[in-house]
Structure formats: C-alpha cells, structure tokens
C-alpha cells in the first residue's frame, strides 16, 4: 500500500476515536456515536493532511513506516478529529435549542 493511503487510514481512525472521546467527555457537544464518528473522521483526515503538508517529516520514511511519523499521524488526526467534532456538536446543539 502507498504511504499516503496508510496515512489517510491512520488519520481517519484516529479522528473517529478523537471525535468519540470528545463526545463522551462533553455531553453538550455530543452528536451520538455515529455523528461523533463521522465528524471526527472527517476532521481527522482534514487536520492530519494539513499537518502533514505543514510538517513534511510526518510523511514517513520512503522505505517504510517511521515510528515518529506514525505517532504524528495518530496525534494530528485524533486532535483535529476531536476539535472538529466539538465544533460541529456546538453548532448542531445551538441550532436545536434556538
């Protein structure tokens, strides 16, 4: 598999986990399991890709996966997935109450 596809899969999974963690931790931004997963996954891919373009070292070594690059993809995807999920949760819940 290509390194880019592996990075996207890692970002997708980490973002989904980050979105669900934020949803479980803060009930006022919870979108439900499906909503948190989708928002987190989209945020994980978007944020992780942005982070990879800003910090080229996170793309990994040419010959294989670098452990530091893998950790960077997990953290970048998870954090950005959590942030996007929280923002979408705030917007959606404010729209329901208005």
PDB file of N, CA and C in Angstrom:
ATOM      1  N   UNK A   1       0.841  -1.193   0.000  1.00  0.00           N
ATOM      2  CA  UNK A   1       0.000   0.000   0.000  1.00  0.00           C
ATOM      3  C   UNK A   1       0.879   1.247   0.000  1.00  0.00           C
ATOM      4  N   UNK A   2       0.346   2.268  -0.584  1.00  0.00           N
ATOM      5  CA  UNK A   2       1.063   3.531  -0.647  1.00  0.00           C
ATOM      6  C   UNK A   2       1.113   4.182   0.735  1.00  0.00           C
ATOM      7  N   UNK A   3       2.170   4.938   0.975  1.00  0.00           N
ATOM      8  CA  UNK A   3       2.298   5.625   2.261  1.00  0.00           C
ATOM      9  C   UNK A   3       1.203   6.639   2.488  1.00  0.00           C
ATOM     10  N   UNK A   4       0.731   7.257   1.416  1.00  0.00           N
ATOM     11  CA  UNK A   4      -0.340   8.249   1.538  1.00  0.00           C
ATOM     12  C   UNK A   4      -1.639   7.600   1.986  1.00  0.00           C
ATOM     13  N   UNK A   5      -1.949   6.438   1.440  1.00  0.00           N
ATOM     14  CA  UNK A   5      -3.180   5.739   1.829  1.00  0.00           C
ATOM     15  C   UNK A   5      -3.095   5.286   3.282  1.00  0.00           C
ATOM     16  N   UNK A   6      -1.932   4.812   3.687  1.00  0.00           N
ATOM     17  CA  UNK A   6      -1.751   4.399   5.085  1.00  0.00           C
ATOM     18  C   UNK A   6      -1.941   5.595   6.014  1.00  0.00           C
ATOM     19  N   UNK A   7      -1.365   6.749   5.640  1.00  0.00           N
ATOM     20  CA  UNK A   7      -1.539   7.953   6.446  1.00  0.00           C
ATOM     21  C   UNK A   7      -3.012   8.337   6.556  1.00  0.00           C
ATOM     22  N   UNK A   8      -3.747   8.266   5.450  1.00  0.00           N
ATOM     23  CA  UNK A   8      -5.173   8.616   5.470  1.00  0.00           C
ATOM     24  C   UNK A   8      -5.979   7.666   6.348  1.00  0.00           C
ATOM     25  N   UNK A   9      -5.653   6.382   6.295  1.00  0.00           N
ATOM     26  CA  UNK A   9      -6.359   5.409   7.140  1.00  0.00           C
ATOM     27  C   UNK A   9      -6.084   5.678   8.609  1.00  0.00           C
ATOM     28  N   UNK A  10      -4.827   5.957   8.937  1.00  0.00           N
ATOM     29  CA  UNK A  10      -4.466   6.263  10.329  1.00  0.00           C
ATOM     30  C   UNK A  10      -5.190   7.517  10.804  1.00  0.00           C
ATOM     31  N   UNK A  11      -5.208   8.563   9.970  1.00  0.00           N
ATOM     32  CA  UNK A  11      -5.882   9.815  10.326  1.00  0.00           C
ATOM     33  C   UNK A  11      -7.379   9.602  10.489  1.00  0.00           C
ATOM     34  N   UNK A  12      -7.969   8.793   9.616  1.00  0.00           N
ATOM     35  CA  UNK A  12      -9.398   8.505   9.678  1.00  0.00           C
ATOM     36  C   UNK A  12      -9.767   7.818  10.987  1.00  0.00           C
ATOM     37  N   UNK A  13      -9.020   6.795  11.340  1.00  0.00           N
ATOM     38  CA  UNK A  13      -9.300   6.042  12.567  1.00  0.00           C
ATOM     39  C   UNK A  13      -9.036   6.905  13.807  1.00  0.00           C
ATOM     40  N   UNK A  14      -7.912   7.604  13.821  1.00  0.00           N
ATOM     41  CA  UNK A  14      -7.582   8.446  14.974  1.00  0.00           C
ATOM     42  C   UNK A  14      -8.605   9.571  15.132  1.00  0.00           C
ATOM     43  N   UNK A  15      -9.050  10.157  14.033  1.00  0.00           N
ATOM     44  CA  UNK A  15     -10.058  11.209  14.099  1.00  0.00           C
ATOM     45  C   UNK A  15     -11.380  10.695  14.636  1.00  0.00           C
ATOM     46  N   UNK A  16     -11.784   9.504  14.201  1.00  0.00           N
ATOM     47  CA  UNK A  16     -13.025   8.915  14.695  1.00  0.00           C
ATOM     48  C   UNK A  16     -12.945   8.652  16.201  1.00  0.00           C
ATOM     49  N   UNK A  17     -11.809   8.169  16.642  1.00  0.00           N
ATOM     50  CA  UNK A  17     -11.631   7.938  18.080  1.00  0.00           C
ATOM     51  C   UNK A  17     -11.638   9.259  18.835  1.00  0.00           C
ATOM     52  N   UNK A  18     -10.941  10.271  18.315  1.00  0.00           N
ATOM     53  CA  UNK A  18     -10.927  11.589  18.957  1.00  0.00           C
ATOM     54  C   UNK A  18     -12.314  12.201  19.041  1.00  0.00           C
ATOM     55  N   UNK A  19     -13.106  12.057  17.983  1.00  0.00           N
ATOM     56  CA  UNK A  19     -14.468  12.578  17.993  1.00  0.00           C
ATOM     57  C   UNK A  19     -15.335  11.908  19.037  1.00  0.00           C
ATOM     58  N   UNK A  20     -15.196  10.600  19.189  1.00  0.00           N
ATOM     59  CA  UNK A  20     -15.985   9.880  20.187  1.00  0.00           C
ATOM     60  C   UNK A  20     -15.529  10.180  21.609  1.00  0.00           C
ATOM     61  N   UNK A  21     -14.235  10.415  21.786  1.00  0.00           N
ATOM     62  CA  UNK A  21     -13.738  10.775  23.120  1.00  0.00           C
ATOM     63  C   UNK A  21     -14.307  12.123  23.552  1.00  0.00           C
ATOM     64  N   UNK A  22     -14.302  13.093  22.637  1.00  0.00           N
ATOM     65  CA  UNK A  22     -14.856  14.413  22.967  1.00  0.00           C
ATOM     66  C   UNK A  22     -16.355  14.310  23.234  1.00  0.00           C
ATOM     67  N   UNK A  23     -17.059  13.524  22.426  1.00  0.00           N
ATOM     68  CA  UNK A  23     -18.499  13.358  22.635  1.00  0.00           C
ATOM     69  C   UNK A  23     -18.826  12.724  23.979  1.00  0.00           C
ATOM     70  N   UNK A  24     -17.994  11.782  24.405  1.00  0.00           N
ATOM     71  CA  UNK A  24     -18.226  11.133  25.702  1.00  0.00           C
ATOM     72  C   UNK A  24     -17.832  12.047  26.863  1.00  0.00           C
ATOM     73  N   UNK A  25     -16.818  12.875  26.656  1.00  0.00           N
ATOM     74  CA  UNK A  25     -16.335  13.729  27.738  1.00  0.00           C
ATOM     75  C   UNK A  25     -17.211  14.966  27.941  1.00  0.00           C
ATOM     76  N   UNK A  26     -17.714  15.526  26.874  1.00  0.00           N
ATOM     77  CA  UNK A  26     -18.510  16.756  26.967  1.00  0.00           C
ATOM     78  C   UNK A  26     -19.900  16.485  26.386  1.00  0.00           C
ATOM     79  N   UNK A  27     -20.853  16.292  27.245  1.00  0.00           N
ATOM     80  CA  UNK A  27     -22.206  15.931  26.799  1.00  0.00           C
ATOM     81  C   UNK A  27     -22.891  17.050  26.017  1.00  0.00           C
ATOM     82  N   UNK A  28     -22.478  18.302  26.211  1.00  0.00           N
ATOM     83  CA  UNK A  28     -23.129  19.398  25.499  1.00  0.00           C
ATOM     84  C   UNK A  28     -22.696  19.485  24.039  1.00  0.00           C
ATOM     85  N   UNK A  29     -21.666  18.748  23.627  1.00  0.00           N
ATOM     86  CA  UNK A  29     -21.255  18.718  22.226  1.00  0.00           C
ATOM     87  C   UNK A  29     -21.416  17.323  21.621  1.00  0.00           C
ATOM     88  N   UNK A  30     -22.085  16.432  22.324  1.00  0.00           N
ATOM     89  CA  UNK A  30     -22.249  15.059  21.869  1.00  0.00           C
ATOM     90  C   UNK A  30     -23.231  14.996  20.706  1.00  0.00           C
ATOM     91  N   UNK A  31     -22.838  14.330  19.638  1.00  0.00           N
ATOM     92  CA  UNK A  31     -23.684  14.150  18.458  1.00  0.00           C
ATOM     93  C   UNK A  31     -24.223  12.729  18.356  1.00  0.00           C
ATOM     94  N   UNK A  32     -23.967  11.916  19.340  1.00  0.00           N
ATOM     95  CA  UNK A  32     -24.278  10.496  19.244  1.00  0.00           C
ATOM     96  C   UNK A  32     -23.071   9.777  18.648  1.00  0.00           C
ATOM     97  N   UNK A  33     -23.058   8.474  18.758  1.00  0.00           N
ATOM     98  CA  UNK A  33     -21.896   7.709  18.309  1.00  0.00           C
ATOM     99  C   UNK A  33     -21.632   7.893  16.816  1.00  0.00           C
ATOM    100  N   UNK A  34     -22.671   7.805  16.016  1.00  0.00           N
ATOM    101  CA  UNK A  34     -22.486   7.933  14.563  1.00  0.00           C
ATOM    102  C   UNK A  34     -22.037   9.334  14.186  1.00  0.00           C
ATOM    103  N   UNK A  35     -22.663  10.342  14.734  1.00  0.00           N
ATOM    104  CA  UNK A  35     -22.296  11.722  14.432  1.00  0.00           C
ATOM    105  C   UNK A  35     -20.887  12.056  14.872  1.00  0.00           C
ATOM    106  N   UNK A  36     -20.521  11.617  16.070  1.00  0.00           N
ATOM    107  CA  UNK A  36     -19.160  11.854  16.559  1.00  0.00           C
ATOM    108  C   UNK A  36     -18.126  11.153  15.678  1.00  0.00           C
ATOM    109  N   UNK A  37     -18.451   9.932  15.239  1.00  0.00           N
ATOM    110  CA  UNK A  37     -17.523   9.172  14.410  1.00  0.00           C
ATOM    111  C   UNK A  37     -17.323   9.840  13.057  1.00  0.00           C
ATOM    112  N   UNK A  38     -18.417  10.264  12.430  1.00  0.00           N
ATOM    113  CA  UNK A  38     -18.314  10.890  11.103  1.00  0.00           C
ATOM    114  C   UNK A  38     -17.596  12.229  11.192  1.00  0.00           C
ATOM    115  N   UNK A  39     -18.002  13.075  12.126  1.00  0.00           N
ATOM    116  CA  UNK A  39     -17.358  14.387  12.263  1.00  0.00           C
ATOM    117  C   UNK A  39     -15.891  14.239  12.641  1.00  0.00           C
ATOM    118  N   UNK A  40     -15.590  13.311  13.531  1.00  0.00           N
ATOM    119  CA  UNK A  40     -14.205  13.080  13.928  1.00  0.00           C
ATOM    120  C   UNK A  40     -13.355  12.536  12.795  1.00  0.00           C
ATOM    121  N   UNK A  41     -13.916  11.623  12.010  1.00  0.00           N
ATOM    122  CA  UNK A  41     -13.162  11.047  10.894  1.00  0.00           C
ATOM    123  C   UNK A  41     -12.855  12.105   9.835  1.00  0.00           C
ATOM    124  N   UNK A  42     -13.848  12.923   9.508  1.00  0.00           N
ATOM    125  CA  UNK A  42     -13.627  13.993   8.526  1.00  0.00           C
ATOM    126  C   UNK A  42     -12.591  14.986   9.057  1.00  0.00           C
ATOM    127  N   UNK A  43     -12.723  15.357  10.320  1.00  0.00           N
ATOM    128  CA  UNK A  43     -11.753  16.270  10.920  1.00  0.00           C
ATOM    129  C   UNK A  43     -10.374  15.670  11.020  1.00  0.00           C
ATOM    130  N   UNK A  44     -10.298  14.377  11.304  1.00  0.00           N
ATOM    131  CA  UNK A  44      -9.004  13.707  11.394  1.00  0.00           C
ATOM    132  C   UNK A  44      -8.266  13.698  10.073  1.00  0.00           C
ATOM    133  N   UNK A  45      -8.993  13.405   8.998  1.00  0.00           N
ATOM    134  CA  UNK A  45      -8.359  13.397   7.676  1.00  0.00           C
ATOM    135  C   UNK A  45      -7.963  14.814   7.269  1.00  0.00           C
ATOM    136  N   UNK A  46      -8.851  15.775   7.476  1.00  0.00           N
ATOM    137  CA  UNK A  46      -8.547  17.159   7.076  1.00  0.00           C
ATOM    138  C   UNK A  46      -7.379  17.724   7.884  1.00  0.00           C
ATOM    139  N   UNK A  47      -7.452  17.606   9.182  1.00  0.00           N
ATOM    140  CA  UNK A  47      -6.391  18.143  10.035  1.00  0.00           C
ATOM    141  C   UNK A  47      -5.084  17.401   9.888  1.00  0.00           C
ATOM    142  N   UNK A  48      -5.156  16.080   9.767  1.00  0.00           N
ATOM    143  CA  UNK A  48      -3.944  15.295   9.596  1.00  0.00           C
ATOM    144  C   UNK A  48      -3.252  15.594   8.272  1.00  0.00           C
ATOM    145  N   UNK A  49      -4.037  15.781   7.222  1.00  0.00           N
ATOM    146  CA  UNK A  49      -3.460  16.127   5.920  1.00  0.00           C
ATOM    147  C   UNK A  49      -2.837  17.514   5.955  1.00  0.00           C
ATOM    148  N   UNK A  50      -3.504  18.441   6.612  1.00  0.00           N
ATOM    149  CA  UNK A  50      -2.948  19.790   6.748  1.00  0.00           C
ATOM    150  C   UNK A  50      -1.642  19.756   7.539  1.00  0.00           C
ATOM    151  N   UNK A  51      -1.637  19.005   8.615  1.00  0.00           N
ATOM    152  CA  UNK A  51      -0.438  18.893   9.438  1.00  0.00           C
ATOM    153  C   UNK A  51       0.702  18.240   8.662  1.00  0.00           C
ATOM    154  N   UNK A  52       0.389  17.233   7.859  1.00  0.00           N
ATOM    155  CA  UNK A  52       1.408  16.565   7.052  1.00  0.00           C
ATOM    156  C   UNK A  52       1.993  17.506   6.012  1.00  0.00           C
ATOM    157  N   UNK A  53       1.151  18.371   5.435  1.00  0.00           N
ATOM    158  CA  UNK A  53       1.682  19.304   4.444  1.00  0.00           C
ATOM    159  C   UNK A  53       2.521  20.401   5.099  1.00  0.00           C
ATOM    160  N   UNK A  54       2.207  20.744   6.346  1.00  0.00           N
ATOM    161  CA  UNK A  54       2.989  21.754   7.052  1.00  0.00           C
ATOM    162  C   UNK A  54       4.290  21.197   7.614  1.00  0.00           C
ATOM    163  N   UNK A  55       4.260  19.929   8.007  1.00  0.00           N
ATOM    164  CA  UNK A  55       5.442  19.273   8.582  1.00  0.00           C
ATOM    165  C   UNK A  55       5.746  18.030   7.745  1.00  0.00           C
ATOM    166  N   UNK A  56       6.554  18.153   6.704  1.00  0.00           N
ATOM    167  CA  UNK A  56       6.805  17.030   5.790  1.00  0.00           C
ATOM    168  C   UNK A  56       7.434  15.803   6.453  1.00  0.00           C
ATOM    169  N   UNK A  57       8.054  15.965   7.612  1.00  0.00           N
ATOM    170  CA  UNK A  57       8.644  14.808   8.301  1.00  0.00           C
ATOM    171  C   UNK A  57       7.588  13.787   8.700  1.00  0.00           C
ATOM    172  N   UNK A  58       6.329  14.204   8.819  1.00  0.00           N
ATOM    173  CA  UNK A  58       5.280  13.284   9.235  1.00  0.00           C
ATOM    174  C   UNK A  58       4.843  12.334   8.129  1.00  0.00           C
ATOM    175  N   UNK A  59       5.366  12.529   6.915  1.00  0.00           N
ATOM    176  CA  UNK A  59       5.008  11.638   5.817  1.00  0.00           C
ATOM    177  C   UNK A  59       5.651  10.276   5.962  1.00  0.00           C
ATOM    178  N   UNK A  60       6.670  10.162   6.765  1.00  0.00           N
ATOM    179  CA  UNK A  60       7.317   8.880   6.992  1.00  0.00           C
ATOM    180  C   UNK A  60       8.490   8.668   6.064  1.00  0.00           C
ATOM    181  N   UNK A  61       9.244   7.655   6.352  1.00  0.00           N
ATOM    182  CA  UNK A  61      10.411   7.323   5.541  1.00  0.00           C
ATOM    183  C   UNK A  61       9.961   6.687   4.229  1.00  0.00           C
ATOM    184  N   UNK A  62      10.767   6.815   3.214  1.00  0.00           N
ATOM    185  CA  UNK A  62      10.417   6.291   1.898  1.00  0.00           C
ATOM    186  C   UNK A  62      10.356   4.765   1.911  1.00  0.00           C
ATOM    187  N   UNK A  63      11.252   4.124   2.603  1.00  0.00           N
ATOM    188  CA  UNK A  63      11.318   2.671   2.594  1.00  0.00           C
ATOM    189  C   UNK A  63      10.360   1.979   3.542  1.00  0.00           C
ATOM    190  N   UNK A  64       9.777   2.657   4.484  1.00  0.00           N
ATOM    191  CA  UNK A  64       8.881   2.021   5.435  1.00  0.00           C
ATOM    192  C   UNK A  64       8.255   3.047   6.348  1.00  0.00           C
ATOM    193  N   UNK A  65       7.512   2.565   7.333  1.00  0.00           N
ATOM    194  CA  UNK A  65       6.840   3.466   8.263  1.00  0.00           C
ATOM    195  C   UNK A  65       7.784   3.834   9.395  1.00  0.00           C
ATOM    196  N   UNK A  66       7.900   5.094   9.641  1.00  0.00           N
ATOM    197  CA  UNK A  66       8.712   5.622  10.728  1.00  0.00           C
ATOM    198  C   UNK A  66       7.822   5.724  11.958  1.00  0.00           C
ATOM    199  N   UNK A  67       8.311   5.321  13.117  1.00  0.00           N
ATOM    200  CA  UNK A  67       7.505   5.337  14.333  1.00  0.00           C
ATOM    201  C   UNK A  67       7.111   6.756  14.729  1.00  0.00           C
ATOM    202  N   UNK A  68       8.023   7.712  14.554  1.00  0.00           N
ATOM    203  CA  UNK A  68       7.709   9.106  14.858  1.00  0.00           C
ATOM    204  C   UNK A  68       6.639   9.657  13.929  1.00  0.00           C
ATOM    205  N   UNK A  69       6.709   9.301  12.650  1.00  0.00           N
ATOM    206  CA  UNK A  69       5.700   9.741  11.686  1.00  0.00           C
ATOM    207  C   UNK A  69       4.347   9.124  12.009  1.00  0.00           C
ATOM    208  N   UNK A  70       4.353   7.864  12.406  1.00  0.00           N
ATOM    209  CA  UNK A  70       3.109   7.189  12.785  1.00  0.00           C
ATOM    210  C   UNK A  70       2.477   7.864  13.995  1.00  0.00           C
ATOM    211  N   UNK A  71       3.275   8.169  14.998  1.00  0.00           N
ATOM    212  CA  UNK A  71       2.757   8.858  16.186  1.00  0.00           C
ATOM    213  C   UNK A  71       2.227  10.239  15.830  1.00  0.00           C
ATOM    214  N   UNK A  72       2.911  10.935  14.935  1.00  0.00           N
ATOM    215  CA  UNK A  72       2.456  12.247  14.491  1.00  0.00           C
ATOM    216  C   UNK A  72       1.119  12.178  13.780  1.00  0.00           C
ATOM    217  N   UNK A  73       0.925  11.153  12.959  1.00  0.00           N
ATOM    218  CA  UNK A  73      -0.346  10.979  12.260  1.00  0.00           C
ATOM    219  C   UNK A  73      -1.478  10.674  13.242  1.00  0.00           C
ATOM    220  N   UNK A  74      -1.203   9.843  14.232  1.00  0.00           N
ATOM    221  CA  UNK A  74      -2.215   9.496  15.230  1.00  0.00           C
ATOM    222  C   UNK A  74      -2.612  10.714  16.052  1.00  0.00           C
ATOM    223  N   UNK A  75      -1.625  11.451  16.522  1.00  0.00           N
ATOM    224  CA  UNK A  75      -1.913  12.631  17.343  1.00  0.00           C
ATOM    225  C   UNK A  75      -2.596  13.717  16.513  1.00  0.00           C
ATOM    226  N   UNK A  76      -2.083  13.983  15.318  1.00  0.00           N
ATOM    227  CA  UNK A  76      -2.680  15.005  14.458  1.00  0.00           C
ATOM    228  C   UNK A  76      -4.106  14.675  14.084  1.00  0.00           C
ATOM    229  N   UNK A  77      -4.349  13.434  13.694  1.00  0.00           N
ATOM    230  CA  UNK A  77      -5.703  13.015  13.338  1.00  0.00           C
ATOM    231  C   UNK A  77      -6.647  13.012  14.522  1.00  0.00           C
ATOM    232  N   UNK A  78      -6.174  12.537  15.660  1.00  0.00           N
ATOM    233  CA  UNK A  78      -7.018  12.478  16.854  1.00  0.00           C
ATOM    234  C   UNK A  78      -7.405  13.838  17.384  1.00  0.00           C
ATOM    235  N   UNK A  79      -6.439  14.731  17.451  1.00  0.00           N
ATOM    236  CA  UNK A  79      -6.714  16.071  17.977  1.00  0.00           C
ATOM    237  C   UNK A  79      -7.619  16.854  17.034  1.00  0.00           C
ATOM    238  N   UNK A  80      -7.307  16.810  15.738  1.00  0.00           N
ATOM    239  CA  UNK A  80      -8.153  17.558  14.806  1.00  0.00           C
ATOM    240  C   UNK A  80      -9.544  16.945  14.702  1.00  0.00           C
ATOM    241  N   UNK A  81      -9.653  15.630  14.823  1.00  0.00           N
ATOM    242  CA  UNK A  81     -10.969  14.995  14.848  1.00  0.00           C
ATOM    243  C   UNK A  81     -11.781  15.413  16.064  1.00  0.00           C
ATOM    244  N   UNK A  82     -11.115  15.526  17.193  1.00  0.00           N
ATOM    245  CA  UNK A  82     -11.793  15.965  18.409  1.00  0.00           C
ATOM    246  C   UNK A  82     -12.251  17.415  18.288  1.00  0.00           C
ATOM    247  N   UNK A  83     -11.406  18.255  17.722  1.00  0.00           N
ATOM    248  CA  UNK A  83     -11.754  19.673  17.580  1.00  0.00           C
ATOM    249  C   UNK A  83     -12.932  19.856  16.639  1.00  0.00           C
ATOM    250  N   UNK A  84     -12.891  19.188  15.480  1.00  0.00           N
ATOM    251  CA  UNK A  84     -13.988  19.324  14.514  1.00  0.00           C
ATOM    252  C   UNK A  84     -15.280  18.758  15.086  1.00  0.00           C
ATOM    253  N   UNK A  85     -15.201  17.639  15.772  1.00  0.00           N
ATOM    254  CA  UNK A  85     -16.396  17.053  16.372  1.00  0.00           C
ATOM    255  C   UNK A  85     -16.995  17.979  17.426  1.00  0.00           C
ATOM    256  N   UNK A  86     -16.156  18.624  18.221  1.00  0.00           N
ATOM    257  CA  UNK A  86     -16.650  19.559  19.236  1.00  0.00           C
ATOM    258  C   UNK A  86     -17.300  20.781  18.588  1.00  0.00           C
ATOM    259  N   UNK A  87     -16.696  21.294  17.529  1.00  0.00           N
ATOM    260  CA  UNK A  87     -17.263  22.466  16.849  1.00  0.00           C
ATOM    261  C   UNK A  87     -18.602  22.115  16.217  1.00  0.00           C
ATOM    262  N   UNK A  88     -18.663  20.984  15.515  1.00  0.00           N
ATOM    263  CA  UNK A  88     -19.928  20.567  14.894  1.00  0.00           C
ATOM    264  C   UNK A  88     -20.983  20.309  15.964  1.00  0.00           C
ATOM    265  N   UNK A  89     -20.586  19.710  17.077  1.00  0.00           N
ATOM    266  CA  UNK A  89     -21.534  19.456  18.175  1.00  0.00           C
ATOM    267  C   UNK A  89     -22.085  20.733  18.761  1.00  0.00           C
ATOM    268  N   UNK A  90     -21.232  21.740  18.949  1.00  0.00           N
ATOM    269  CA  UNK A  90     -21.707  23.022  19.480  1.00  0.00           C
ATOM    270  C   UNK A  90     -22.680  23.681  18.518  1.00  0.00           C
ATOM    271  N   UNK A  91     -22.341  23.676  17.233  1.00  0.00           N
ATOM    272  CA  UNK A  91     -23.210  24.305  16.240  1.00  0.00           C
ATOM    273  C   UNK A  91     -24.548  23.583  16.166  1.00  0.00           C
ATOM    274  N   UNK A  92     -24.516  22.270  16.088  1.00  0.00           N
ATOM    275  CA  UNK A  92     -25.757  21.492  15.968  1.00  0.00           C
ATOM    276  C   UNK A  92     -26.639  21.645  17.206  1.00  0.00           C
ATOM    277  N   UNK A  93     -26.046  21.585  18.376  1.00  0.00           N
ATOM    278  CA  UNK A  93     -26.838  21.704  19.606  1.00  0.00           C
ATOM    279  C   UNK A  93     -27.374  23.116  19.807  1.00  0.00           C
ATOM    280  N   UNK A  94     -26.632  24.140  19.365  1.00  0.00           N
ATOM    281  CA  UNK A  94     -27.150  25.503  19.432  1.00  0.00           C
ATOM    282  C   UNK A  94     -28.273  25.727  18.444  1.00  0.00           C
ATOM    283  N   UNK A  95     -28.227  25.062  17.290  1.00  0.00           N
ATOM    284  CA  UNK A  95     -29.305  25.171  16.320  1.00  0.00           C
ATOM    285  C   UNK A  95     -30.580  24.492  16.823  1.00  0.00           C
ATOM    286  N   UNK A  96     -30.431  23.402  17.564  1.00  0.00           N
ATOM    287  CA  UNK A  96     -31.595  22.710  18.121  1.00  0.00           C
ATOM    288  C   UNK A  96     -32.280  23.540  19.183  1.00  0.00           C
ATOM    289  N   UNK A  97     -31.497  24.247  19.997  1.00  0.00           N
ATOM    290  CA  UNK A  97     -32.077  24.992  21.112  1.00  0.00           C
ATOM    291  C   UNK A  97     -32.641  26.348  20.670  1.00  0.00           C
ATOM    292  N   UNK A  98     -32.221  26.835  19.511  1.00  0.00           N
ATOM    293  CA  UNK A  98     -32.696  28.146  19.046  1.00  0.00           C
ATOM    294  C   UNK A  98     -34.026  28.070  18.348  1.00  0.00           C
TER     295      UNK A  98
END
